[in-house]
Amino acid sequence: MTLQRLLCAVYIAGALGVVPAASAAERSEFANLAKARYVHCAFYKNYETDAATGDPILVEGRADALMHFQGIDVKNEKARAIYTRMSGLRDVTVMQTDKAIHFIDNVAGMYVMTTVHSCINFDEARGICVTYGAVNSRLFDSAVLTDPDKVYDRIKADADPGFCDHSFIGIPEASHLFPNGTPKN
C-alpha cells in the first residue's frame, strides 16, 4: 500500500471514529483553524476499499462535495463560504465551542452544518494540526444556531464524513513576498 493510500485510510478511519483521533480542542488547534485565512473541506458519501486490508480508501478527486471557507471571524460569528453544491459566495455563521468549530449556513430554513471536530494529522515538529476530521449535514433544526454541539452529537453518525485543512499559518503568501523572499509591507 502506498503511503498516500495509508494516510488516506488513517484519515477516514479517524473521521469515522475507528482510530483514536485527538480532539482539536485538546491541542488548542481550533485557535489555528479559527485564524486561518482559508479552510478547505472535502466530504464523501462512498469510499473505495483496499483489497488487501479491507480498509476504506479516500480516492483523491472523487469527493461528493467540496467546501471553502474564508474570512473566518469567530469573535463576530461570521465567515464566507463557497460550495460545489450551490452557486455563489455565501455568508455563514461560524461558532467555536469546546468541542468543535461549526460553520452554519441558513438556506431558506434548511441548515447546512459543517462541523470540524478533531485533529487527525498533527505535525509534532511544527506543533500544528495539518488535517481535521469533519462532517457535513443538511437539516431543518434551528437549534444549530443555539446549541450546535448538541445537534452535532445527534447527527454525526448520519452526516457525510470528510476532512478539512487550513491555509498555512505564519507563512506569507507568495504574492506578498519580494523576489528575494522578504515580506512586502
N, C-alpha and C. Protein backbone atom coordinates (compact mmCIF):
# COMPACT_ATOMS: atom_id res chain seq x y z
N MET A 1 0.86 -1.17 0.00
CA MET A 1 0.00 0.00 0.00
C MET A 1 0.90 1.23 0.00
N THR A 2 0.57 2.19 -0.85
CA THR A 2 1.38 3.40 -0.92
C THR A 2 1.15 4.23 0.33
N LEU A 3 2.10 5.11 0.60
CA LEU A 3 1.98 5.98 1.77
C LEU A 3 0.73 6.85 1.67
N GLN A 4 0.44 7.35 0.46
CA GLN A 4 -0.74 8.20 0.28
C GLN A 4 -2.01 7.42 0.63
N ARG A 5 -2.11 6.18 0.17
CA ARG A 5 -3.29 5.37 0.47
C ARG A 5 -3.38 5.05 1.96
N LEU A 6 -2.23 4.79 2.57
CA LEU A 6 -2.22 4.51 4.00
C LEU A 6 -2.70 5.73 4.79
N LEU A 7 -2.17 6.91 4.45
CA LEU A 7 -2.61 8.12 5.14
C LEU A 7 -4.09 8.38 4.92
N CYS A 8 -4.56 8.17 3.71
CA CYS A 8 -5.99 8.37 3.43
C CYS A 8 -6.84 7.42 4.25
N ALA A 9 -6.40 6.17 4.38
CA ALA A 9 -7.15 5.20 5.18
C ALA A 9 -7.17 5.62 6.65
N VAL A 10 -6.05 6.14 7.15
CA VAL A 10 -5.98 6.61 8.54
C VAL A 10 -6.90 7.81 8.72
N TYR A 11 -6.91 8.74 7.76
CA TYR A 11 -7.79 9.91 7.85
C TYR A 11 -9.25 9.49 7.92
N ILE A 12 -9.62 8.59 7.04
CA ILE A 12 -11.02 8.14 7.02
C ILE A 12 -11.36 7.42 8.31
N ALA A 13 -10.47 6.55 8.76
CA ALA A 13 -10.74 5.83 10.00
C ALA A 13 -10.90 6.80 11.16
N GLY A 14 -10.07 7.84 11.20
CA GLY A 14 -10.19 8.84 12.26
C GLY A 14 -11.50 9.59 12.17
N ALA A 15 -11.90 9.96 10.96
CA ALA A 15 -13.16 10.68 10.78
C ALA A 15 -14.35 9.82 11.17
N LEU A 16 -14.24 8.53 10.94
CA LEU A 16 -15.34 7.62 11.28
C LEU A 16 -15.27 7.15 12.72
N GLY A 17 -14.21 7.54 13.45
CA GLY A 17 -14.09 7.16 14.85
C GLY A 17 -13.52 5.77 15.05
N VAL A 18 -12.89 5.20 14.02
CA VAL A 18 -12.34 3.86 14.13
C VAL A 18 -11.03 3.86 14.90
N VAL A 19 -10.23 4.90 14.73
CA VAL A 19 -8.97 5.02 15.47
C VAL A 19 -9.06 6.24 16.35
N PRO A 20 -8.34 6.26 17.45
CA PRO A 20 -8.43 7.43 18.31
C PRO A 20 -7.86 8.65 17.62
N ALA A 21 -8.61 9.70 17.55
CA ALA A 21 -8.16 10.97 16.98
C ALA A 21 -8.17 12.00 18.10
N ALA A 22 -7.08 12.73 18.21
CA ALA A 22 -7.01 13.73 19.28
C ALA A 22 -8.04 14.81 19.03
N SER A 23 -8.72 15.20 20.06
CA SER A 23 -9.67 16.30 19.94
C SER A 23 -8.88 17.55 19.61
N ALA A 24 -9.36 18.30 18.65
CA ALA A 24 -8.68 19.54 18.29
C ALA A 24 -8.63 20.49 19.48
N ALA A 25 -9.66 20.46 20.31
CA ALA A 25 -9.68 21.33 21.48
C ALA A 25 -8.58 20.95 22.46
N GLU A 26 -8.26 19.66 22.55
CA GLU A 26 -7.23 19.20 23.47
C GLU A 26 -5.87 19.76 23.12
N ARG A 27 -5.61 20.01 21.84
CA ARG A 27 -4.32 20.52 21.41
C ARG A 27 -4.39 21.99 21.04
N SER A 28 -5.46 22.64 21.43
CA SER A 28 -5.68 24.05 21.13
C SER A 28 -5.61 24.33 19.64
N GLU A 29 -6.00 23.38 18.84
CA GLU A 29 -5.90 23.54 17.40
C GLU A 29 -7.04 24.32 16.79
N PHE A 30 -8.13 24.49 17.51
CA PHE A 30 -9.20 25.31 16.96
C PHE A 30 -8.73 26.74 16.82
N ALA A 31 -7.80 27.16 17.67
CA ALA A 31 -7.28 28.53 17.59
C ALA A 31 -6.61 28.75 16.24
N ASN A 32 -5.80 27.80 15.80
CA ASN A 32 -5.14 27.92 14.50
C ASN A 32 -6.15 27.89 13.36
N LEU A 33 -7.11 27.00 13.46
CA LEU A 33 -8.13 26.90 12.41
C LEU A 33 -8.94 28.19 12.34
N ALA A 34 -9.27 28.75 13.47
CA ALA A 34 -10.07 29.97 13.51
C ALA A 34 -9.29 31.17 12.97
N LYS A 35 -7.95 31.12 13.01
CA LYS A 35 -7.12 32.22 12.50
C LYS A 35 -6.78 32.05 11.02
N ALA A 36 -7.08 30.90 10.45
CA ALA A 36 -6.68 30.63 9.08
C ALA A 36 -7.40 31.55 8.10
N ARG A 37 -6.71 31.92 7.05
CA ARG A 37 -7.34 32.74 6.00
C ARG A 37 -8.37 31.92 5.24
N TYR A 38 -8.07 30.65 5.05
CA TYR A 38 -8.93 29.77 4.28
C TYR A 38 -9.01 28.41 4.96
N VAL A 39 -10.17 27.77 4.87
CA VAL A 39 -10.34 26.39 5.30
C VAL A 39 -10.96 25.64 4.13
N HIS A 40 -10.34 24.54 3.75
CA HIS A 40 -10.80 23.75 2.62
C HIS A 40 -11.30 22.41 3.16
N CYS A 41 -12.46 21.96 2.69
CA CYS A 41 -13.03 20.69 3.16
C CYS A 41 -13.51 19.86 1.98
N ALA A 42 -13.43 18.55 2.14
CA ALA A 42 -13.97 17.59 1.16
C ALA A 42 -14.80 16.57 1.93
N PHE A 43 -15.96 16.25 1.38
CA PHE A 43 -16.87 15.30 2.04
C PHE A 43 -17.24 14.17 1.09
N TYR A 44 -17.37 12.98 1.65
CA TYR A 44 -17.56 11.76 0.85
C TYR A 44 -18.76 10.97 1.33
N LYS A 45 -19.48 10.42 0.37
CA LYS A 45 -20.58 9.51 0.68
C LYS A 45 -20.13 8.05 0.51
N ASN A 46 -19.23 7.83 -0.46
CA ASN A 46 -18.78 6.47 -0.77
C ASN A 46 -17.26 6.41 -0.76
N TYR A 47 -16.75 5.25 -0.42
CA TYR A 47 -15.30 5.04 -0.38
C TYR A 47 -14.97 3.78 -1.16
N GLU A 48 -13.78 3.76 -1.74
CA GLU A 48 -13.26 2.52 -2.27
C GLU A 48 -12.64 1.77 -1.10
N THR A 49 -12.48 0.48 -1.26
CA THR A 49 -11.92 -0.34 -0.19
C THR A 49 -10.62 -0.97 -0.65
N ASP A 50 -9.61 -0.96 0.21
CA ASP A 50 -8.33 -1.60 -0.08
C ASP A 50 -8.55 -3.11 -0.11
N ALA A 51 -8.24 -3.75 -1.23
CA ALA A 51 -8.48 -5.19 -1.38
C ALA A 51 -7.67 -6.02 -0.39
N ALA A 52 -6.48 -5.57 -0.05
CA ALA A 52 -5.62 -6.34 0.85
C ALA A 52 -6.04 -6.24 2.31
N THR A 53 -6.48 -5.07 2.74
CA THR A 53 -6.77 -4.87 4.16
C THR A 53 -8.25 -4.70 4.48
N GLY A 54 -9.03 -4.33 3.47
CA GLY A 54 -10.44 -4.05 3.71
C GLY A 54 -10.68 -2.66 4.26
N ASP A 55 -9.61 -1.88 4.41
CA ASP A 55 -9.73 -0.52 4.93
C ASP A 55 -10.32 0.41 3.87
N PRO A 56 -11.06 1.41 4.31
CA PRO A 56 -11.58 2.39 3.34
C PRO A 56 -10.45 3.25 2.80
N ILE A 57 -10.57 3.65 1.54
CA ILE A 57 -9.56 4.48 0.90
C ILE A 57 -10.24 5.71 0.32
N LEU A 58 -9.70 6.85 0.66
CA LEU A 58 -10.19 8.10 0.09
C LEU A 58 -9.57 8.23 -1.29
N VAL A 59 -10.40 8.35 -2.29
CA VAL A 59 -9.89 8.48 -3.65
C VAL A 59 -9.84 9.96 -4.00
N GLU A 60 -8.63 10.44 -4.22
CA GLU A 60 -8.44 11.86 -4.49
C GLU A 60 -9.24 12.27 -5.73
N GLY A 61 -9.91 13.40 -5.61
CA GLY A 61 -10.67 13.92 -6.73
C GLY A 61 -12.08 13.38 -6.85
N ARG A 62 -12.50 12.53 -5.94
CA ARG A 62 -13.83 11.94 -6.02
C ARG A 62 -14.74 12.35 -4.86
N ALA A 63 -14.49 13.49 -4.29
CA ALA A 63 -15.34 13.97 -3.20
C ALA A 63 -16.73 14.26 -3.75
N ASP A 64 -17.73 14.01 -2.93
CA ASP A 64 -19.10 14.32 -3.32
C ASP A 64 -19.41 15.80 -3.12
N ALA A 65 -18.68 16.46 -2.24
CA ALA A 65 -18.88 17.89 -2.01
C ALA A 65 -17.57 18.51 -1.55
N LEU A 66 -17.29 19.69 -2.05
CA LEU A 66 -16.14 20.47 -1.62
C LEU A 66 -16.66 21.76 -1.02
N MET A 67 -15.99 22.24 0.02
CA MET A 67 -16.38 23.49 0.66
C MET A 67 -15.12 24.30 0.92
N HIS A 68 -15.26 25.59 0.80
CA HIS A 68 -14.15 26.50 1.02
C HIS A 68 -14.68 27.64 1.89
N PHE A 69 -14.06 27.83 3.05
CA PHE A 69 -14.45 28.91 3.96
C PHE A 69 -13.35 29.94 3.99
N GLN A 70 -13.72 31.21 4.05
CA GLN A 70 -12.74 32.29 4.12
C GLN A 70 -13.30 33.41 4.96
N GLY A 71 -12.43 34.36 5.32
CA GLY A 71 -12.88 35.49 6.12
C GLY A 71 -13.46 35.06 7.46
N ILE A 72 -12.83 34.06 8.07
CA ILE A 72 -13.35 33.49 9.31
C ILE A 72 -13.14 34.48 10.46
N ASP A 73 -14.24 34.82 11.12
CA ASP A 73 -14.22 35.76 12.24
C ASP A 73 -15.05 35.12 13.36
N VAL A 74 -14.38 34.33 14.19
CA VAL A 74 -15.07 33.60 15.26
C VAL A 74 -15.68 34.57 16.26
N LYS A 75 -14.98 35.65 16.56
CA LYS A 75 -15.48 36.62 17.55
C LYS A 75 -16.85 37.16 17.14
N ASN A 76 -17.02 37.47 15.87
CA ASN A 76 -18.28 38.02 15.38
C ASN A 76 -19.17 36.95 14.73
N GLU A 77 -18.76 35.69 14.85
CA GLU A 77 -19.52 34.53 14.36
C GLU A 77 -19.89 34.63 12.88
N LYS A 78 -18.91 35.01 12.05
CA LYS A 78 -19.22 35.08 10.63
C LYS A 78 -18.04 34.59 9.79
N ALA A 79 -18.38 34.13 8.61
CA ALA A 79 -17.41 33.69 7.62
C ALA A 79 -18.12 33.71 6.27
N ARG A 80 -17.37 33.44 5.21
CA ARG A 80 -17.95 33.30 3.87
C ARG A 80 -17.64 31.90 3.38
N ALA A 81 -18.52 31.38 2.53
CA ALA A 81 -18.35 30.00 2.05
C ALA A 81 -18.69 29.89 0.57
N ILE A 82 -18.00 28.97 -0.07
CA ILE A 82 -18.31 28.57 -1.44
C ILE A 82 -18.44 27.05 -1.42
N TYR A 83 -19.51 26.53 -2.02
CA TYR A 83 -19.76 25.08 -2.07
C TYR A 83 -19.83 24.62 -3.52
N THR A 84 -19.54 23.37 -3.72
CA THR A 84 -19.75 22.80 -5.05
C THR A 84 -21.22 22.46 -5.27
N ARG A 85 -22.02 22.45 -4.22
CA ARG A 85 -23.44 22.11 -4.35
C ARG A 85 -24.34 23.33 -4.46
N MET A 86 -23.79 24.54 -4.39
CA MET A 86 -24.56 25.78 -4.53
C MET A 86 -23.70 26.78 -5.28
N SER A 87 -24.36 27.71 -5.96
CA SER A 87 -23.59 28.72 -6.68
C SER A 87 -23.40 29.96 -5.82
N GLY A 88 -22.30 30.62 -6.01
CA GLY A 88 -22.05 31.89 -5.37
C GLY A 88 -21.43 31.82 -3.98
N LEU A 89 -20.86 32.94 -3.59
CA LEU A 89 -20.28 33.10 -2.26
C LEU A 89 -21.41 33.37 -1.28
N ARG A 90 -21.39 32.70 -0.13
CA ARG A 90 -22.47 32.82 0.85
C ARG A 90 -21.90 33.26 2.20
N ASP A 91 -22.67 34.09 2.92
CA ASP A 91 -22.32 34.44 4.29
C ASP A 91 -22.83 33.33 5.20
N VAL A 92 -21.97 32.86 6.11
CA VAL A 92 -22.36 31.79 7.03
C VAL A 92 -22.03 32.20 8.46
N THR A 93 -22.64 31.49 9.40
CA THR A 93 -22.35 31.67 10.81
C THR A 93 -21.25 30.70 11.20
N VAL A 94 -20.28 31.15 11.97
CA VAL A 94 -19.25 30.25 12.47
C VAL A 94 -19.28 30.33 13.99
N MET A 95 -19.33 29.16 14.63
CA MET A 95 -19.39 29.10 16.10
C MET A 95 -18.31 28.15 16.60
N GLN A 96 -17.46 28.66 17.49
CA GLN A 96 -16.42 27.84 18.09
C GLN A 96 -16.88 27.45 19.49
N THR A 97 -16.85 26.14 19.77
CA THR A 97 -17.19 25.62 21.08
C THR A 97 -15.98 24.86 21.62
N ASP A 98 -16.10 24.30 22.80
CA ASP A 98 -15.01 23.47 23.32
C ASP A 98 -14.86 22.18 22.53
N LYS A 99 -15.91 21.77 21.86
CA LYS A 99 -15.93 20.50 21.15
C LYS A 99 -15.55 20.62 19.67
N ALA A 100 -15.88 21.74 19.02
CA ALA A 100 -15.73 21.83 17.57
C ALA A 100 -15.84 23.27 17.10
N ILE A 101 -15.58 23.43 15.81
CA ILE A 101 -15.93 24.66 15.11
C ILE A 101 -17.03 24.28 14.13
N HIS A 102 -18.12 25.02 14.17
CA HIS A 102 -19.28 24.75 13.33
C HIS A 102 -19.46 25.90 12.35
N PHE A 103 -19.56 25.58 11.06
CA PHE A 103 -19.91 26.54 10.02
C PHE A 103 -21.35 26.24 9.66
N ILE A 104 -22.24 27.24 9.79
CA ILE A 104 -23.67 27.00 9.62
C ILE A 104 -24.22 27.97 8.58
N ASP A 105 -24.85 27.41 7.56
CA ASP A 105 -25.46 28.22 6.50
C ASP A 105 -26.97 28.02 6.55
N ASN A 106 -27.71 29.12 6.69
CA ASN A 106 -29.17 29.06 6.67
C ASN A 106 -29.62 29.26 5.24
N VAL A 107 -30.16 28.19 4.66
CA VAL A 107 -30.61 28.20 3.27
C VAL A 107 -32.13 28.09 3.28
N ALA A 108 -32.80 29.21 3.43
CA ALA A 108 -34.27 29.26 3.42
C ALA A 108 -34.89 28.26 4.39
N GLY A 109 -34.36 28.23 5.61
CA GLY A 109 -34.93 27.35 6.64
C GLY A 109 -34.27 25.99 6.75
N MET A 110 -33.47 25.61 5.77
CA MET A 110 -32.66 24.39 5.87
C MET A 110 -31.25 24.84 6.26
N TYR A 111 -30.62 24.09 7.12
CA TYR A 111 -29.28 24.45 7.57
C TYR A 111 -28.26 23.46 7.02
N VAL A 112 -27.20 24.01 6.46
CA VAL A 112 -26.05 23.21 6.05
C VAL A 112 -25.02 23.43 7.14
N MET A 113 -24.71 22.37 7.88
CA MET A 113 -23.78 22.48 9.01
C MET A 113 -22.53 21.66 8.72
N THR A 114 -21.40 22.34 8.73
CA THR A 114 -20.10 21.69 8.62
C THR A 114 -19.45 21.79 9.99
N THR A 115 -19.16 20.64 10.58
CA THR A 115 -18.56 20.59 11.90
C THR A 115 -17.15 20.04 11.79
N VAL A 116 -16.18 20.83 12.19
CA VAL A 116 -14.78 20.39 12.24
C VAL A 116 -14.54 19.99 13.69
N HIS A 117 -14.30 18.68 13.91
CA HIS A 117 -14.38 18.14 15.28
C HIS A 117 -13.11 17.58 15.86
N SER A 118 -12.10 17.26 15.06
CA SER A 118 -10.92 16.61 15.64
C SER A 118 -9.70 16.81 14.76
N CYS A 119 -8.55 16.68 15.37
CA CYS A 119 -7.30 16.70 14.62
C CYS A 119 -6.94 15.26 14.29
N ILE A 120 -6.80 14.96 13.01
CA ILE A 120 -6.47 13.58 12.63
C ILE A 120 -5.07 13.45 12.07
N ASN A 121 -4.39 14.58 11.89
CA ASN A 121 -3.00 14.53 11.46
C ASN A 121 -2.28 15.73 12.08
N PHE A 122 -1.61 15.49 13.20
CA PHE A 122 -0.92 16.54 13.94
C PHE A 122 0.56 16.49 13.62
N ASP A 123 1.13 17.62 13.20
CA ASP A 123 2.55 17.73 12.91
C ASP A 123 3.27 18.13 14.19
N GLU A 124 3.90 17.16 14.85
CA GLU A 124 4.58 17.42 16.12
C GLU A 124 5.73 18.41 15.96
N ALA A 125 6.44 18.35 14.83
CA ALA A 125 7.59 19.22 14.63
C ALA A 125 7.18 20.69 14.60
N ARG A 126 6.06 20.99 13.94
CA ARG A 126 5.60 22.37 13.85
C ARG A 126 4.59 22.72 14.94
N GLY A 127 4.08 21.69 15.61
CA GLY A 127 3.11 21.91 16.68
C GLY A 127 1.75 22.37 16.19
N ILE A 128 1.37 21.92 14.98
CA ILE A 128 0.07 22.31 14.45
C ILE A 128 -0.66 21.10 13.86
N CYS A 129 -1.96 21.21 13.84
CA CYS A 129 -2.76 20.20 13.17
C CYS A 129 -2.75 20.49 11.68
N VAL A 130 -2.54 19.46 10.87
CA VAL A 130 -2.48 19.61 9.42
C VAL A 130 -3.82 19.26 8.79
N THR A 131 -4.47 18.23 9.32
CA THR A 131 -5.75 17.77 8.77
C THR A 131 -6.73 17.53 9.91
N TYR A 132 -7.95 17.97 9.70
CA TYR A 132 -9.01 17.85 10.70
C TYR A 132 -10.09 16.90 10.22
N GLY A 133 -10.67 16.15 11.15
CA GLY A 133 -11.86 15.37 10.85
C GLY A 133 -13.06 16.29 10.85
N ALA A 134 -14.00 16.04 9.95
CA ALA A 134 -15.16 16.91 9.84
C ALA A 134 -16.36 16.11 9.32
N VAL A 135 -17.54 16.65 9.54
CA VAL A 135 -18.76 16.09 8.96
C VAL A 135 -19.58 17.23 8.38
N ASN A 136 -20.42 16.88 7.42
CA ASN A 136 -21.30 17.85 6.78
C ASN A 136 -22.70 17.27 6.75
N SER A 137 -23.68 18.09 7.09
CA SER A 137 -25.06 17.61 7.11
C SER A 137 -26.02 18.72 6.68
N ARG A 138 -27.18 18.29 6.28
CA ARG A 138 -28.29 19.19 5.94
C ARG A 138 -29.44 18.84 6.86
N LEU A 139 -30.00 19.84 7.53
CA LEU A 139 -31.05 19.55 8.49
C LEU A 139 -31.97 20.75 8.63
N PHE A 140 -33.10 20.53 9.29
CA PHE A 140 -34.10 21.57 9.49
C PHE A 140 -34.28 21.88 10.96
N ASP A 141 -33.21 21.85 11.72
CA ASP A 141 -33.26 22.06 13.16
C ASP A 141 -32.59 23.39 13.50
N SER A 142 -33.39 24.40 13.84
CA SER A 142 -32.82 25.72 14.13
C SER A 142 -31.97 25.73 15.39
N ALA A 143 -31.95 24.65 16.15
CA ALA A 143 -31.09 24.56 17.33
C ALA A 143 -29.61 24.62 16.95
N VAL A 144 -29.29 24.44 15.67
CA VAL A 144 -27.89 24.57 15.25
C VAL A 144 -27.35 25.96 15.57
N LEU A 145 -28.24 26.94 15.66
CA LEU A 145 -27.81 28.32 15.93
C LEU A 145 -27.65 28.62 17.42
N THR A 146 -28.19 27.76 18.29
CA THR A 146 -28.09 27.99 19.73
C THR A 146 -27.27 26.93 20.45
N ASP A 147 -27.30 25.69 19.96
CA ASP A 147 -26.55 24.60 20.59
C ASP A 147 -26.04 23.64 19.52
N PRO A 148 -25.07 24.10 18.71
CA PRO A 148 -24.61 23.25 17.61
C PRO A 148 -23.96 21.94 18.06
N ASP A 149 -23.32 21.93 19.25
CA ASP A 149 -22.72 20.69 19.74
C ASP A 149 -23.77 19.61 19.96
N LYS A 150 -24.89 20.00 20.53
CA LYS A 150 -25.97 19.04 20.79
C LYS A 150 -26.51 18.48 19.47
N VAL A 151 -26.70 19.34 18.50
CA VAL A 151 -27.18 18.89 17.18
C VAL A 151 -26.13 17.99 16.54
N TYR A 152 -24.86 18.39 16.61
CA TYR A 152 -23.77 17.57 16.06
C TYR A 152 -23.76 16.17 16.69
N ASP A 153 -23.88 16.09 18.01
CA ASP A 153 -23.89 14.78 18.67
C ASP A 153 -25.02 13.91 18.16
N ARG A 154 -26.14 14.52 17.84
CA ARG A 154 -27.29 13.76 17.37
C ARG A 154 -27.15 13.29 15.91
N ILE A 155 -26.51 14.08 15.07
CA ILE A 155 -26.49 13.77 13.64
C ILE A 155 -25.16 13.22 13.11
N LYS A 156 -24.12 13.20 13.93
CA LYS A 156 -22.78 12.89 13.42
C LYS A 156 -22.67 11.51 12.76
N ALA A 157 -23.42 10.54 13.24
CA ALA A 157 -23.34 9.20 12.65
C ALA A 157 -23.94 9.15 11.26
N ASP A 158 -24.87 10.05 10.96
CA ASP A 158 -25.54 10.05 9.66
C ASP A 158 -25.00 11.11 8.70
N ALA A 159 -24.13 11.98 9.18
CA ALA A 159 -23.59 13.05 8.36
C ALA A 159 -22.52 12.51 7.41
N ASP A 160 -22.22 13.26 6.37
CA ASP A 160 -21.16 12.88 5.43
C ASP A 160 -19.81 13.14 6.06
N PRO A 161 -18.97 12.10 6.22
CA PRO A 161 -17.65 12.33 6.80
C PRO A 161 -16.70 12.96 5.79
N GLY A 162 -15.72 13.65 6.31
CA GLY A 162 -14.73 14.26 5.43
C GLY A 162 -13.56 14.82 6.21
N PHE A 163 -12.82 15.70 5.55
CA PHE A 163 -11.60 16.25 6.10
C PHE A 163 -11.48 17.70 5.73
N CYS A 164 -10.82 18.46 6.58
CA CYS A 164 -10.55 19.87 6.30
C CYS A 164 -9.09 20.16 6.58
N ASP A 165 -8.56 21.14 5.88
CA ASP A 165 -7.24 21.67 6.20
C ASP A 165 -7.33 23.19 6.10
N HIS A 166 -6.33 23.85 6.64
CA HIS A 166 -6.36 25.31 6.63
C HIS A 166 -5.15 25.84 5.89
N SER A 167 -5.24 27.10 5.53
CA SER A 167 -4.11 27.75 4.89
C SER A 167 -2.93 27.70 5.85
N PHE A 168 -1.76 27.87 5.31
CA PHE A 168 -0.57 27.80 6.13
C PHE A 168 -0.50 29.01 7.05
N ILE A 169 -0.40 28.74 8.34
CA ILE A 169 -0.36 29.81 9.34
C ILE A 169 1.07 30.25 9.54
N GLY A 170 1.28 31.53 9.53
CA GLY A 170 2.61 32.06 9.77
C GLY A 170 3.50 32.03 8.54
N ILE A 171 2.97 31.64 7.38
CA ILE A 171 3.76 31.63 6.16
C ILE A 171 3.12 32.62 5.21
N PRO A 172 3.82 33.69 4.85
CA PRO A 172 3.21 34.68 3.97
C PRO A 172 2.96 34.11 2.59
N GLU A 173 1.90 34.59 1.94
CA GLU A 173 1.60 34.14 0.59
C GLU A 173 2.67 34.62 -0.36
N ALA A 174 2.90 33.89 -1.44
CA ALA A 174 3.93 34.23 -2.40
C ALA A 174 3.70 35.63 -2.99
N SER A 175 2.44 36.01 -3.18
CA SER A 175 2.15 37.33 -3.75
C SER A 175 2.51 38.46 -2.81
N HIS A 176 2.76 38.15 -1.55
CA HIS A 176 3.13 39.17 -0.57
C HIS A 176 4.63 39.17 -0.27
N LEU A 177 5.42 38.55 -1.16
CA LEU A 177 6.86 38.49 -0.96
C LEU A 177 7.58 39.16 -2.13
N PHE A 178 8.70 39.79 -1.82
CA PHE A 178 9.59 40.26 -2.86
C PHE A 178 10.33 39.06 -3.42
N PRO A 179 10.92 39.19 -4.63
CA PRO A 179 11.65 38.06 -5.22
C PRO A 179 12.72 37.46 -4.31
N ASN A 180 13.30 38.26 -3.40
CA ASN A 180 14.33 37.72 -2.51
C ASN A 180 13.74 37.00 -1.30
N GLY A 181 12.38 36.96 -1.21
CA GLY A 181 11.73 36.22 -0.13
C GLY A 181 11.33 37.06 1.07
N THR A 182 11.66 38.34 1.09
CA THR A 182 11.26 39.18 2.23
C THR A 182 9.82 39.65 2.05
N PRO A 183 9.09 39.78 3.15
CA PRO A 183 7.67 40.19 3.05
C PRO A 183 7.52 41.64 2.58
N LYS A 184 6.48 41.85 1.75
CA LYS A 184 6.10 43.21 1.35
C LYS A 184 5.28 43.80 2.47
N ASN A 185 5.43 45.08 2.73
CA ASN A 185 4.65 45.75 3.79
C ASN A 185 3.42 46.39 3.23
